Amino acid sequence: TKGHLDDLCRAATLRVSSRNPLLNPRSIPAPTPTLMELGALRPITSFGTWGRSAGEFNNPRFVLHLDGGVLISDSGNDRLQVVSPSGRHVKTFYGSQPGHPTGLATDGTWLWVADSSNCTVQKMRLADGQVQCRMGSWGEGDCQFNAPEGLALHAGILYVADEGNHRVVLLDAPTLKWRGA
């Protein structure tokens, strides 16, 4: 009834009161400033320019931490580049495979690369870039992708963000066997 509803509304109404520590604005601690608010968060350096030479980039897409450096999917140049923490070029993995590298994952020995233009995922030896196996083709069924992008590795499972198919696919990381979507 209307009277009952009014009683519930009155009971639920809270007023700011200096006697109620939960509702007293003076009893709420001020937020701690973040590093960004204090102005302490500034880039130390940046590296790279547009280009096709070693250490230059054309549409860098994903960055992956490695021991002693960073691996960058240089998608517009159809390659992967490793740079030191200071940005000095260390090495490049070339080839039409990967054709448009995007997502990256590693366990320190192996490297998994999503290739959005070839609709594949491949497993490479991190030390030399030698491709061990590759799977996928364009489509929306099992073992098919439509622009695979991000990768994550956990407990022997490779998770693939299959952007064009609006799904996450699970692969067996050692073999790249399809586990499901």
N, C-alpha and C. Protein backbone atom coordinates (compact mmCIF):
# COMPACT_ATOMS: atom_id res chain seq x y z
N THR A 1 0.84 -1.19 0.00
CA THR A 1 0.00 0.00 0.00
C THR A 1 0.87 1.23 0.00
N LYS A 2 0.23 2.39 -0.32
CA LYS A 2 1.00 3.62 -0.39
C LYS A 2 1.60 4.00 0.96
N GLY A 3 0.89 3.82 2.05
CA GLY A 3 1.41 4.14 3.38
C GLY A 3 2.62 3.29 3.73
N HIS A 4 2.56 2.00 3.38
CA HIS A 4 3.67 1.10 3.64
C HIS A 4 4.90 1.52 2.84
N LEU A 5 4.69 1.86 1.57
CA LEU A 5 5.79 2.31 0.71
C LEU A 5 6.42 3.58 1.26
N ASP A 6 5.60 4.53 1.73
CA ASP A 6 6.14 5.76 2.32
C ASP A 6 6.99 5.47 3.54
N ASP A 7 6.53 4.52 4.40
CA ASP A 7 7.30 4.14 5.58
C ASP A 7 8.66 3.55 5.20
N LEU A 8 8.68 2.69 4.16
CA LEU A 8 9.94 2.11 3.70
C LEU A 8 10.88 3.19 3.17
N CYS A 9 10.35 4.12 2.41
CA CYS A 9 11.17 5.20 1.87
C CYS A 9 11.75 6.06 2.99
N ARG A 10 10.93 6.39 4.00
CA ARG A 10 11.43 7.19 5.12
C ARG A 10 12.52 6.43 5.88
N ALA A 11 12.34 5.14 6.04
CA ALA A 11 13.33 4.33 6.77
C ALA A 11 14.63 4.23 5.98
N ALA A 12 14.55 4.25 4.66
CA ALA A 12 15.74 4.12 3.83
C ALA A 12 16.44 5.45 3.60
N THR A 13 15.78 6.56 3.92
CA THR A 13 16.39 7.86 3.70
C THR A 13 17.48 8.09 4.73
N LEU A 14 18.65 8.45 4.29
CA LEU A 14 19.77 8.72 5.18
C LEU A 14 20.13 10.19 5.08
N ARG A 15 20.46 10.75 6.21
CA ARG A 15 20.87 12.15 6.22
C ARG A 15 22.31 12.22 6.69
N VAL A 16 23.05 13.18 6.16
CA VAL A 16 24.42 13.40 6.61
C VAL A 16 24.34 13.93 8.02
N SER A 17 25.07 13.31 8.91
CA SER A 17 25.02 13.69 10.32
C SER A 17 26.43 13.68 10.88
N SER A 18 26.75 14.68 11.68
CA SER A 18 28.07 14.71 12.30
C SER A 18 28.20 13.63 13.35
N ARG A 19 27.07 13.06 13.83
CA ARG A 19 27.13 11.99 14.81
C ARG A 19 27.29 10.61 14.16
N ASN A 20 27.09 10.49 12.87
CA ASN A 20 27.21 9.21 12.17
C ASN A 20 28.55 9.21 11.43
N PRO A 21 29.55 8.48 11.93
CA PRO A 21 30.88 8.52 11.30
C PRO A 21 30.88 7.99 9.87
N LEU A 22 29.91 7.16 9.52
CA LEU A 22 29.86 6.65 8.15
C LEU A 22 29.37 7.71 7.18
N LEU A 23 28.63 8.67 7.66
CA LEU A 23 28.05 9.66 6.76
C LEU A 23 28.63 11.05 6.96
N ASN A 24 29.55 11.21 7.89
CA ASN A 24 30.15 12.52 8.14
C ASN A 24 31.29 12.73 7.15
N PRO A 25 31.16 13.72 6.27
CA PRO A 25 32.22 13.93 5.28
C PRO A 25 33.58 14.19 5.91
N ARG A 26 33.63 14.75 7.12
CA ARG A 26 34.91 15.02 7.76
C ARG A 26 35.59 13.74 8.25
N SER A 27 34.82 12.65 8.42
CA SER A 27 35.40 11.41 8.91
C SER A 27 35.93 10.53 7.77
N ILE A 28 35.66 10.90 6.53
CA ILE A 28 36.13 10.13 5.38
C ILE A 28 37.54 10.62 5.05
N PRO A 29 38.54 9.74 5.08
CA PRO A 29 39.90 10.20 4.80
C PRO A 29 40.03 10.69 3.36
N ALA A 30 40.88 11.71 3.20
CA ALA A 30 41.13 12.24 1.86
C ALA A 30 41.83 11.16 1.04
N PRO A 31 41.51 11.08 -0.26
CA PRO A 31 42.17 10.07 -1.09
C PRO A 31 43.67 10.34 -1.17
N THR A 32 44.44 9.28 -1.21
CA THR A 32 45.88 9.40 -1.36
C THR A 32 46.18 9.78 -2.81
N PRO A 33 46.97 10.82 -3.02
CA PRO A 33 47.27 11.19 -4.41
C PRO A 33 48.03 10.08 -5.12
N THR A 34 47.75 9.90 -6.39
CA THR A 34 48.47 8.91 -7.18
C THR A 34 49.75 9.53 -7.71
N LEU A 35 50.63 8.68 -8.24
CA LEU A 35 51.87 9.20 -8.81
C LEU A 35 51.58 10.16 -9.96
N MET A 36 50.53 9.85 -10.74
CA MET A 36 50.19 10.72 -11.85
C MET A 36 49.77 12.09 -11.33
N GLU A 37 48.97 12.13 -10.25
CA GLU A 37 48.53 13.41 -9.71
C GLU A 37 49.70 14.20 -9.12
N LEU A 38 50.69 13.50 -8.60
CA LEU A 38 51.85 14.18 -8.03
C LEU A 38 52.83 14.61 -9.11
N GLY A 39 52.59 14.18 -10.33
CA GLY A 39 53.47 14.56 -11.42
C GLY A 39 54.73 13.72 -11.47
N ALA A 40 54.78 12.61 -10.72
CA ALA A 40 55.99 11.79 -10.67
C ALA A 40 56.07 10.78 -11.81
N LEU A 41 54.98 10.52 -12.49
CA LEU A 41 54.98 9.52 -13.54
C LEU A 41 55.26 10.20 -14.88
N ARG A 42 56.49 10.05 -15.33
CA ARG A 42 56.90 10.65 -16.60
C ARG A 42 57.66 9.61 -17.40
N PRO A 43 57.49 9.60 -18.71
CA PRO A 43 58.28 8.65 -19.50
C PRO A 43 59.76 8.99 -19.38
N ILE A 44 60.56 7.97 -19.18
CA ILE A 44 62.00 8.18 -19.10
C ILE A 44 62.56 8.40 -20.49
N THR A 45 62.05 7.64 -21.45
CA THR A 45 62.53 7.77 -22.82
C THR A 45 61.49 7.14 -23.75
N SER A 46 61.67 7.34 -24.99
CA SER A 46 60.92 6.63 -26.00
C SER A 46 61.93 6.26 -27.07
N PHE A 47 61.55 5.34 -27.93
CA PHE A 47 62.48 4.94 -28.97
C PHE A 47 61.71 4.56 -30.21
N GLY A 48 62.42 4.57 -31.33
CA GLY A 48 61.83 4.19 -32.60
C GLY A 48 61.21 5.36 -33.34
N THR A 49 61.20 5.22 -34.62
CA THR A 49 60.53 6.16 -35.52
C THR A 49 59.90 5.31 -36.61
N TRP A 50 59.11 5.97 -37.47
CA TRP A 50 58.52 5.22 -38.57
C TRP A 50 59.64 4.83 -39.53
N GLY A 51 59.55 3.61 -40.05
CA GLY A 51 60.51 3.17 -41.06
C GLY A 51 60.53 1.66 -41.17
N ARG A 52 61.42 1.20 -42.04
CA ARG A 52 61.53 -0.23 -42.30
C ARG A 52 62.88 -0.81 -41.90
N SER A 53 63.79 0.02 -41.44
CA SER A 53 65.11 -0.45 -41.01
C SER A 53 65.04 -1.04 -39.60
N ALA A 54 66.13 -1.67 -39.20
CA ALA A 54 66.21 -2.23 -37.85
C ALA A 54 65.99 -1.14 -36.82
N GLY A 55 65.13 -1.41 -35.85
CA GLY A 55 64.85 -0.44 -34.81
C GLY A 55 63.81 0.60 -35.19
N GLU A 56 63.31 0.55 -36.42
CA GLU A 56 62.22 1.43 -36.85
C GLU A 56 60.94 0.61 -36.92
N PHE A 57 59.80 1.29 -36.84
CA PHE A 57 58.53 0.58 -36.74
C PHE A 57 57.50 1.13 -37.71
N ASN A 58 56.59 0.25 -38.08
CA ASN A 58 55.42 0.61 -38.88
C ASN A 58 54.24 -0.12 -38.25
N ASN A 59 53.49 0.59 -37.43
CA ASN A 59 52.34 0.04 -36.73
C ASN A 59 52.73 -1.02 -35.70
N PRO A 60 53.56 -0.64 -34.70
CA PRO A 60 53.83 -1.61 -33.63
C PRO A 60 52.55 -1.88 -32.86
N ARG A 61 52.23 -3.16 -32.66
CA ARG A 61 50.93 -3.52 -32.09
C ARG A 61 51.00 -4.02 -30.66
N PHE A 62 51.86 -5.00 -30.38
CA PHE A 62 51.94 -5.58 -29.05
C PHE A 62 53.38 -5.59 -28.58
N VAL A 63 53.56 -5.52 -27.26
CA VAL A 63 54.88 -5.50 -26.65
C VAL A 63 54.90 -6.59 -25.59
N LEU A 64 55.98 -7.35 -25.54
CA LEU A 64 56.11 -8.46 -24.60
C LEU A 64 57.46 -8.39 -23.91
N HIS A 65 57.46 -8.42 -22.59
CA HIS A 65 58.71 -8.40 -21.82
C HIS A 65 59.46 -9.71 -22.00
N LEU A 66 60.75 -9.61 -22.25
CA LEU A 66 61.64 -10.76 -22.31
C LEU A 66 62.78 -10.51 -21.35
N ASP A 67 63.49 -11.56 -20.94
CA ASP A 67 64.69 -11.34 -20.14
C ASP A 67 65.67 -10.52 -20.96
N GLY A 68 66.03 -9.36 -20.46
CA GLY A 68 67.01 -8.52 -21.14
C GLY A 68 66.46 -7.70 -22.28
N GLY A 69 65.15 -7.59 -22.41
CA GLY A 69 64.63 -6.78 -23.49
C GLY A 69 63.13 -6.84 -23.65
N VAL A 70 62.70 -6.39 -24.82
CA VAL A 70 61.29 -6.30 -25.14
C VAL A 70 61.10 -6.80 -26.57
N LEU A 71 60.08 -7.63 -26.77
CA LEU A 71 59.72 -8.11 -28.11
C LEU A 71 58.54 -7.29 -28.59
N ILE A 72 58.62 -6.77 -29.80
CA ILE A 72 57.58 -5.90 -30.35
C ILE A 72 57.06 -6.50 -31.64
N SER A 73 55.73 -6.63 -31.75
CA SER A 73 55.15 -7.07 -33.02
C SER A 73 55.04 -5.84 -33.91
N ASP A 74 55.93 -5.77 -34.87
CA ASP A 74 56.02 -4.65 -35.82
C ASP A 74 55.13 -5.02 -37.01
N SER A 75 53.82 -4.91 -36.81
CA SER A 75 52.83 -5.46 -37.73
C SER A 75 52.92 -4.91 -39.14
N GLY A 76 53.09 -3.60 -39.28
CA GLY A 76 53.14 -3.00 -40.61
C GLY A 76 54.34 -3.41 -41.42
N ASN A 77 55.39 -3.87 -40.74
CA ASN A 77 56.59 -4.35 -41.43
C ASN A 77 56.63 -5.88 -41.47
N ASP A 78 55.56 -6.55 -41.03
CA ASP A 78 55.47 -8.01 -41.08
C ASP A 78 56.66 -8.69 -40.42
N ARG A 79 56.98 -8.24 -39.19
CA ARG A 79 58.13 -8.81 -38.50
C ARG A 79 58.00 -8.61 -36.99
N LEU A 80 58.89 -9.26 -36.28
CA LEU A 80 59.04 -9.10 -34.84
C LEU A 80 60.41 -8.52 -34.59
N GLN A 81 60.49 -7.56 -33.67
CA GLN A 81 61.79 -6.98 -33.32
C GLN A 81 62.02 -7.10 -31.82
N VAL A 82 63.24 -7.41 -31.45
CA VAL A 82 63.65 -7.43 -30.05
C VAL A 82 64.54 -6.22 -29.84
N VAL A 83 64.22 -5.46 -28.78
CA VAL A 83 65.03 -4.30 -28.43
C VAL A 83 65.46 -4.41 -26.97
N SER A 84 66.56 -3.77 -26.63
CA SER A 84 67.04 -3.74 -25.25
C SER A 84 66.14 -2.81 -24.44
N PRO A 85 66.25 -2.82 -23.11
CA PRO A 85 65.44 -1.90 -22.30
C PRO A 85 65.66 -0.43 -22.66
N SER A 86 66.82 -0.10 -23.20
CA SER A 86 67.08 1.28 -23.59
C SER A 86 66.58 1.60 -25.00
N GLY A 87 66.07 0.59 -25.71
CA GLY A 87 65.53 0.80 -27.04
C GLY A 87 66.49 0.47 -28.17
N ARG A 88 67.68 -0.06 -27.86
CA ARG A 88 68.65 -0.45 -28.90
C ARG A 88 68.19 -1.75 -29.56
N HIS A 89 68.20 -1.77 -30.88
CA HIS A 89 67.78 -2.95 -31.64
C HIS A 89 68.72 -4.12 -31.34
N VAL A 90 68.14 -5.28 -31.06
CA VAL A 90 68.92 -6.48 -30.77
C VAL A 90 68.84 -7.46 -31.93
N LYS A 91 67.60 -7.81 -32.35
CA LYS A 91 67.44 -8.73 -33.48
C LYS A 91 66.05 -8.61 -34.05
N THR A 92 65.89 -9.17 -35.26
CA THR A 92 64.62 -9.13 -35.97
C THR A 92 64.32 -10.52 -36.49
N PHE A 93 63.05 -10.93 -36.38
CA PHE A 93 62.56 -12.15 -37.02
C PHE A 93 61.78 -11.71 -38.25
N TYR A 94 62.22 -12.15 -39.43
CA TYR A 94 61.60 -11.74 -40.69
C TYR A 94 60.68 -12.82 -41.24
N GLY A 95 60.06 -12.49 -42.37
CA GLY A 95 59.35 -13.49 -43.14
C GLY A 95 57.91 -13.13 -43.40
N SER A 96 57.36 -13.77 -44.41
CA SER A 96 55.94 -13.57 -44.68
C SER A 96 55.11 -14.29 -43.63
N GLN A 97 55.73 -15.15 -42.87
CA GLN A 97 55.09 -15.78 -41.72
C GLN A 97 55.89 -15.38 -40.51
N PRO A 98 55.46 -14.59 -39.56
CA PRO A 98 54.12 -14.05 -39.50
C PRO A 98 53.91 -12.96 -40.54
N GLY A 99 52.71 -12.91 -41.10
CA GLY A 99 52.39 -11.92 -42.11
C GLY A 99 51.97 -10.60 -41.50
N HIS A 100 51.29 -10.61 -40.40
CA HIS A 100 50.86 -9.38 -39.72
C HIS A 100 50.79 -9.72 -38.23
N PRO A 101 51.97 -9.81 -37.58
CA PRO A 101 51.98 -10.27 -36.19
C PRO A 101 51.26 -9.30 -35.27
N THR A 102 50.46 -9.87 -34.40
CA THR A 102 49.74 -9.04 -33.43
C THR A 102 50.05 -9.59 -32.04
N GLY A 103 49.22 -10.48 -31.50
CA GLY A 103 49.38 -10.97 -30.14
C GLY A 103 50.63 -11.80 -29.94
N LEU A 104 51.19 -11.70 -28.73
CA LEU A 104 52.42 -12.40 -28.37
C LEU A 104 52.27 -13.05 -27.00
N ALA A 105 52.88 -14.23 -26.83
CA ALA A 105 52.97 -14.88 -25.53
C ALA A 105 54.25 -15.71 -25.51
N THR A 106 54.86 -15.87 -24.35
CA THR A 106 56.06 -16.68 -24.24
C THR A 106 56.13 -17.36 -22.89
N ASP A 107 56.86 -18.49 -22.86
CA ASP A 107 57.18 -19.15 -21.60
C ASP A 107 58.67 -19.03 -21.32
N GLY A 108 59.38 -18.23 -22.11
CA GLY A 108 60.81 -18.06 -21.96
C GLY A 108 61.63 -18.90 -22.93
N THR A 109 61.06 -19.98 -23.45
CA THR A 109 61.71 -20.83 -24.45
C THR A 109 60.99 -20.74 -25.78
N TRP A 110 59.68 -20.78 -25.72
CA TRP A 110 58.84 -20.74 -26.92
C TRP A 110 58.11 -19.42 -27.00
N LEU A 111 57.79 -19.05 -28.23
CA LEU A 111 57.05 -17.83 -28.51
C LEU A 111 55.84 -18.20 -29.34
N TRP A 112 54.67 -17.71 -28.94
CA TRP A 112 53.45 -17.90 -29.71
C TRP A 112 53.07 -16.55 -30.30
N VAL A 113 52.71 -16.55 -31.59
CA VAL A 113 52.40 -15.32 -32.31
C VAL A 113 51.06 -15.46 -33.01
N ALA A 114 50.16 -14.51 -32.78
CA ALA A 114 48.92 -14.43 -33.53
C ALA A 114 49.20 -13.64 -34.80
N ASP A 115 48.73 -14.13 -35.92
CA ASP A 115 48.93 -13.47 -37.21
C ASP A 115 47.54 -13.12 -37.75
N SER A 116 47.17 -11.84 -37.63
CA SER A 116 45.80 -11.45 -37.96
C SER A 116 45.51 -11.48 -39.45
N SER A 117 46.50 -11.29 -40.32
CA SER A 117 46.19 -11.30 -41.75
C SER A 117 46.15 -12.71 -42.34
N ASN A 118 46.94 -13.63 -41.80
CA ASN A 118 46.91 -15.01 -42.27
C ASN A 118 45.95 -15.88 -41.46
N CYS A 119 45.32 -15.29 -40.42
CA CYS A 119 44.36 -15.99 -39.57
C CYS A 119 44.96 -17.28 -39.00
N THR A 120 46.19 -17.14 -38.48
CA THR A 120 46.88 -18.29 -37.91
C THR A 120 47.48 -17.93 -36.55
N VAL A 121 47.86 -18.97 -35.84
CA VAL A 121 48.68 -18.84 -34.63
C VAL A 121 49.86 -19.76 -34.85
N GLN A 122 51.04 -19.29 -34.49
CA GLN A 122 52.21 -20.13 -34.67
C GLN A 122 53.06 -20.17 -33.42
N LYS A 123 53.79 -21.26 -33.29
CA LYS A 123 54.72 -21.46 -32.18
C LYS A 123 56.12 -21.42 -32.76
N MET A 124 56.96 -20.56 -32.18
CA MET A 124 58.32 -20.37 -32.67
C MET A 124 59.30 -20.59 -31.52
N ARG A 125 60.51 -20.98 -31.86
CA ARG A 125 61.58 -21.05 -30.87
C ARG A 125 62.05 -19.62 -30.62
N LEU A 126 62.01 -19.18 -29.38
CA LEU A 126 62.35 -17.80 -29.05
C LEU A 126 63.80 -17.47 -29.38
N ALA A 127 64.71 -18.42 -29.23
CA ALA A 127 66.13 -18.15 -29.45
C ALA A 127 66.45 -17.73 -30.88
N ASP A 128 65.78 -18.36 -31.86
CA ASP A 128 66.15 -18.08 -33.25
C ASP A 128 64.96 -17.79 -34.17
N GLY A 129 63.75 -17.83 -33.67
CA GLY A 129 62.58 -17.53 -34.49
C GLY A 129 62.14 -18.66 -35.40
N GLN A 130 62.73 -19.84 -35.25
CA GLN A 130 62.37 -20.99 -36.09
C GLN A 130 60.94 -21.43 -35.76
N VAL A 131 60.08 -21.47 -36.80
CA VAL A 131 58.69 -21.87 -36.61
C VAL A 131 58.62 -23.38 -36.39
N GLN A 132 57.96 -23.80 -35.30
CA GLN A 132 57.82 -25.21 -34.97
C GLN A 132 56.50 -25.77 -35.47
N CYS A 133 55.43 -25.00 -35.34
CA CYS A 133 54.13 -25.43 -35.86
C CYS A 133 53.23 -24.21 -36.03
N ARG A 134 52.25 -24.38 -36.87
CA ARG A 134 51.31 -23.30 -37.20
C ARG A 134 49.94 -23.93 -37.37
N MET A 135 48.91 -23.22 -36.97
CA MET A 135 47.56 -23.74 -37.18
C MET A 135 46.61 -22.61 -37.49
N GLY A 136 45.52 -22.94 -38.17
CA GLY A 136 44.47 -21.99 -38.43
C GLY A 136 44.34 -21.63 -39.89
N SER A 137 43.18 -21.11 -40.20
CA SER A 137 42.86 -20.56 -41.52
C SER A 137 41.70 -19.61 -41.30
N TRP A 138 41.30 -18.91 -42.35
CA TRP A 138 40.20 -17.96 -42.20
C TRP A 138 38.88 -18.70 -42.12
N GLY A 139 38.02 -18.26 -41.23
CA GLY A 139 36.68 -18.83 -41.11
C GLY A 139 36.14 -18.68 -39.70
N GLU A 140 35.01 -19.33 -39.45
CA GLU A 140 34.39 -19.22 -38.12
C GLU A 140 34.18 -20.56 -37.45
N GLY A 141 34.69 -21.62 -38.03
CA GLY A 141 34.52 -22.95 -37.45
C GLY A 141 35.68 -23.35 -36.56
N ASP A 142 35.72 -24.63 -36.20
CA ASP A 142 36.84 -25.15 -35.43
C ASP A 142 38.12 -25.00 -36.25
N CYS A 143 39.20 -24.67 -35.57
CA CYS A 143 40.53 -24.49 -36.19
C CYS A 143 40.56 -23.33 -37.19
N GLN A 144 39.64 -22.39 -37.08
CA GLN A 144 39.61 -21.23 -37.96
C GLN A 144 39.53 -19.95 -37.13
N PHE A 145 40.09 -18.90 -37.69
CA PHE A 145 40.10 -17.60 -37.03
C PHE A 145 39.66 -16.52 -38.00
N ASN A 146 39.28 -15.40 -37.44
CA ASN A 146 39.01 -14.19 -38.20
C ASN A 146 39.68 -13.05 -37.44
N ALA A 147 40.92 -12.80 -37.78
CA ALA A 147 41.75 -11.76 -37.15
C ALA A 147 42.08 -12.07 -35.69
N PRO A 148 42.84 -13.15 -35.44
CA PRO A 148 43.29 -13.39 -34.07
C PRO A 148 44.21 -12.26 -33.62
N GLU A 149 44.00 -11.77 -32.41
CA GLU A 149 44.76 -10.61 -31.93
C GLU A 149 45.57 -10.94 -30.69
N GLY A 150 44.93 -10.90 -29.52
CA GLY A 150 45.64 -11.07 -28.26
C GLY A 150 45.84 -12.52 -27.89
N LEU A 151 46.95 -12.79 -27.17
CA LEU A 151 47.25 -14.13 -26.68
C LEU A 151 47.56 -14.07 -25.19
N ALA A 152 47.23 -15.14 -24.49
CA ALA A 152 47.62 -15.30 -23.10
C ALA A 152 47.94 -16.77 -22.89
N LEU A 153 48.97 -17.04 -22.10
CA LEU A 153 49.42 -18.40 -21.85
C LEU A 153 49.27 -18.70 -20.36
N HIS A 154 48.61 -19.83 -20.05
CA HIS A 154 48.47 -20.23 -18.65
C HIS A 154 48.31 -21.73 -18.55
N ALA A 155 49.18 -22.36 -17.76
CA ALA A 155 49.08 -23.79 -17.45
C ALA A 155 48.94 -24.66 -18.70
N GLY A 156 49.73 -24.37 -19.72
CA GLY A 156 49.72 -25.19 -20.93
C GLY A 156 48.59 -24.90 -21.90
N ILE A 157 47.79 -23.90 -21.59
CA ILE A 157 46.68 -23.51 -22.48
C ILE A 157 47.01 -22.14 -23.07
N LEU A 158 46.86 -22.01 -24.38
CA LEU A 158 47.02 -20.73 -25.06
C LEU A 158 45.63 -20.18 -25.35
N TYR A 159 45.34 -19.02 -24.81
CA TYR A 159 44.06 -18.36 -25.02
C TYR A 159 44.24 -17.37 -26.17
N VAL A 160 43.36 -17.44 -27.16
CA VAL A 160 43.45 -16.60 -28.36
C VAL A 160 42.20 -15.73 -28.46
N ALA A 161 42.39 -14.41 -28.49
CA ALA A 161 41.28 -13.49 -28.71
C ALA A 161 41.02 -13.46 -30.21
N ASP A 162 39.98 -14.15 -30.64
CA ASP A 162 39.61 -14.25 -32.05
C ASP A 162 38.65 -13.09 -32.34
N GLU A 163 39.23 -11.94 -32.62
CA GLU A 163 38.47 -10.68 -32.69
C GLU A 163 37.31 -10.72 -33.67
N GLY A 164 37.56 -11.16 -34.89
CA GLY A 164 36.51 -11.14 -35.91
C GLY A 164 35.38 -12.11 -35.66
N ASN A 165 35.64 -13.17 -34.88
CA ASN A 165 34.59 -14.14 -34.56
C ASN A 165 33.99 -13.89 -33.17
N HIS A 166 34.44 -12.85 -32.49
CA HIS A 166 33.87 -12.46 -31.19
C HIS A 166 33.90 -13.62 -30.20
N ARG A 167 35.06 -14.25 -30.06
CA ARG A 167 35.18 -15.38 -29.15
C ARG A 167 36.62 -15.49 -28.64
N VAL A 168 36.79 -16.31 -27.63
CA VAL A 168 38.13 -16.66 -27.14
C VAL A 168 38.30 -18.15 -27.39
N VAL A 169 39.38 -18.50 -28.06
CA VAL A 169 39.66 -19.88 -28.44
C VAL A 169 40.75 -20.43 -27.51
N LEU A 170 40.63 -21.69 -27.13
CA LEU A 170 41.64 -22.35 -26.31
C LEU A 170 42.39 -23.36 -27.15
N LEU A 171 43.72 -23.27 -27.11
CA LEU A 171 44.59 -24.20 -27.83
C LEU A 171 45.52 -24.87 -26.83
N ASP A 172 45.91 -26.10 -27.13
CA ASP A 172 46.95 -26.76 -26.36
C ASP A 172 48.27 -26.08 -26.76
N ALA A 173 48.94 -25.42 -25.83
CA ALA A 173 50.12 -24.61 -26.16
C ALA A 173 51.25 -25.42 -26.80
N PRO A 174 51.60 -26.61 -26.31
CA PRO A 174 52.71 -27.34 -26.92
C PRO A 174 52.45 -27.77 -28.37
N THR A 175 51.21 -28.14 -28.68
CA THR A 175 50.91 -28.71 -30.00
C THR A 175 50.06 -27.82 -30.89
N LEU A 176 49.44 -26.80 -30.32
CA LEU A 176 48.47 -25.94 -31.00
C LEU A 176 47.22 -26.70 -31.44
N LYS A 177 46.92 -27.80 -30.76
CA LYS A 177 45.68 -28.54 -31.04
C LYS A 177 44.50 -27.76 -30.48
N TRP A 178 43.41 -27.75 -31.23
CA TRP A 178 42.18 -27.05 -30.87
C TRP A 178 41.57 -27.69 -29.64
N ARG A 179 41.24 -26.87 -28.63
CA ARG A 179 40.58 -27.38 -27.42
C ARG A 179 39.17 -26.86 -27.30
N GLY A 180 38.84 -25.83 -28.07
CA GLY A 180 37.48 -25.33 -28.04
C GLY A 180 37.41 -23.82 -28.04
N ALA A 181 36.18 -23.33 -28.19
CA ALA A 181 35.94 -21.89 -28.18
C ALA A 181 34.77 -21.61 -27.27
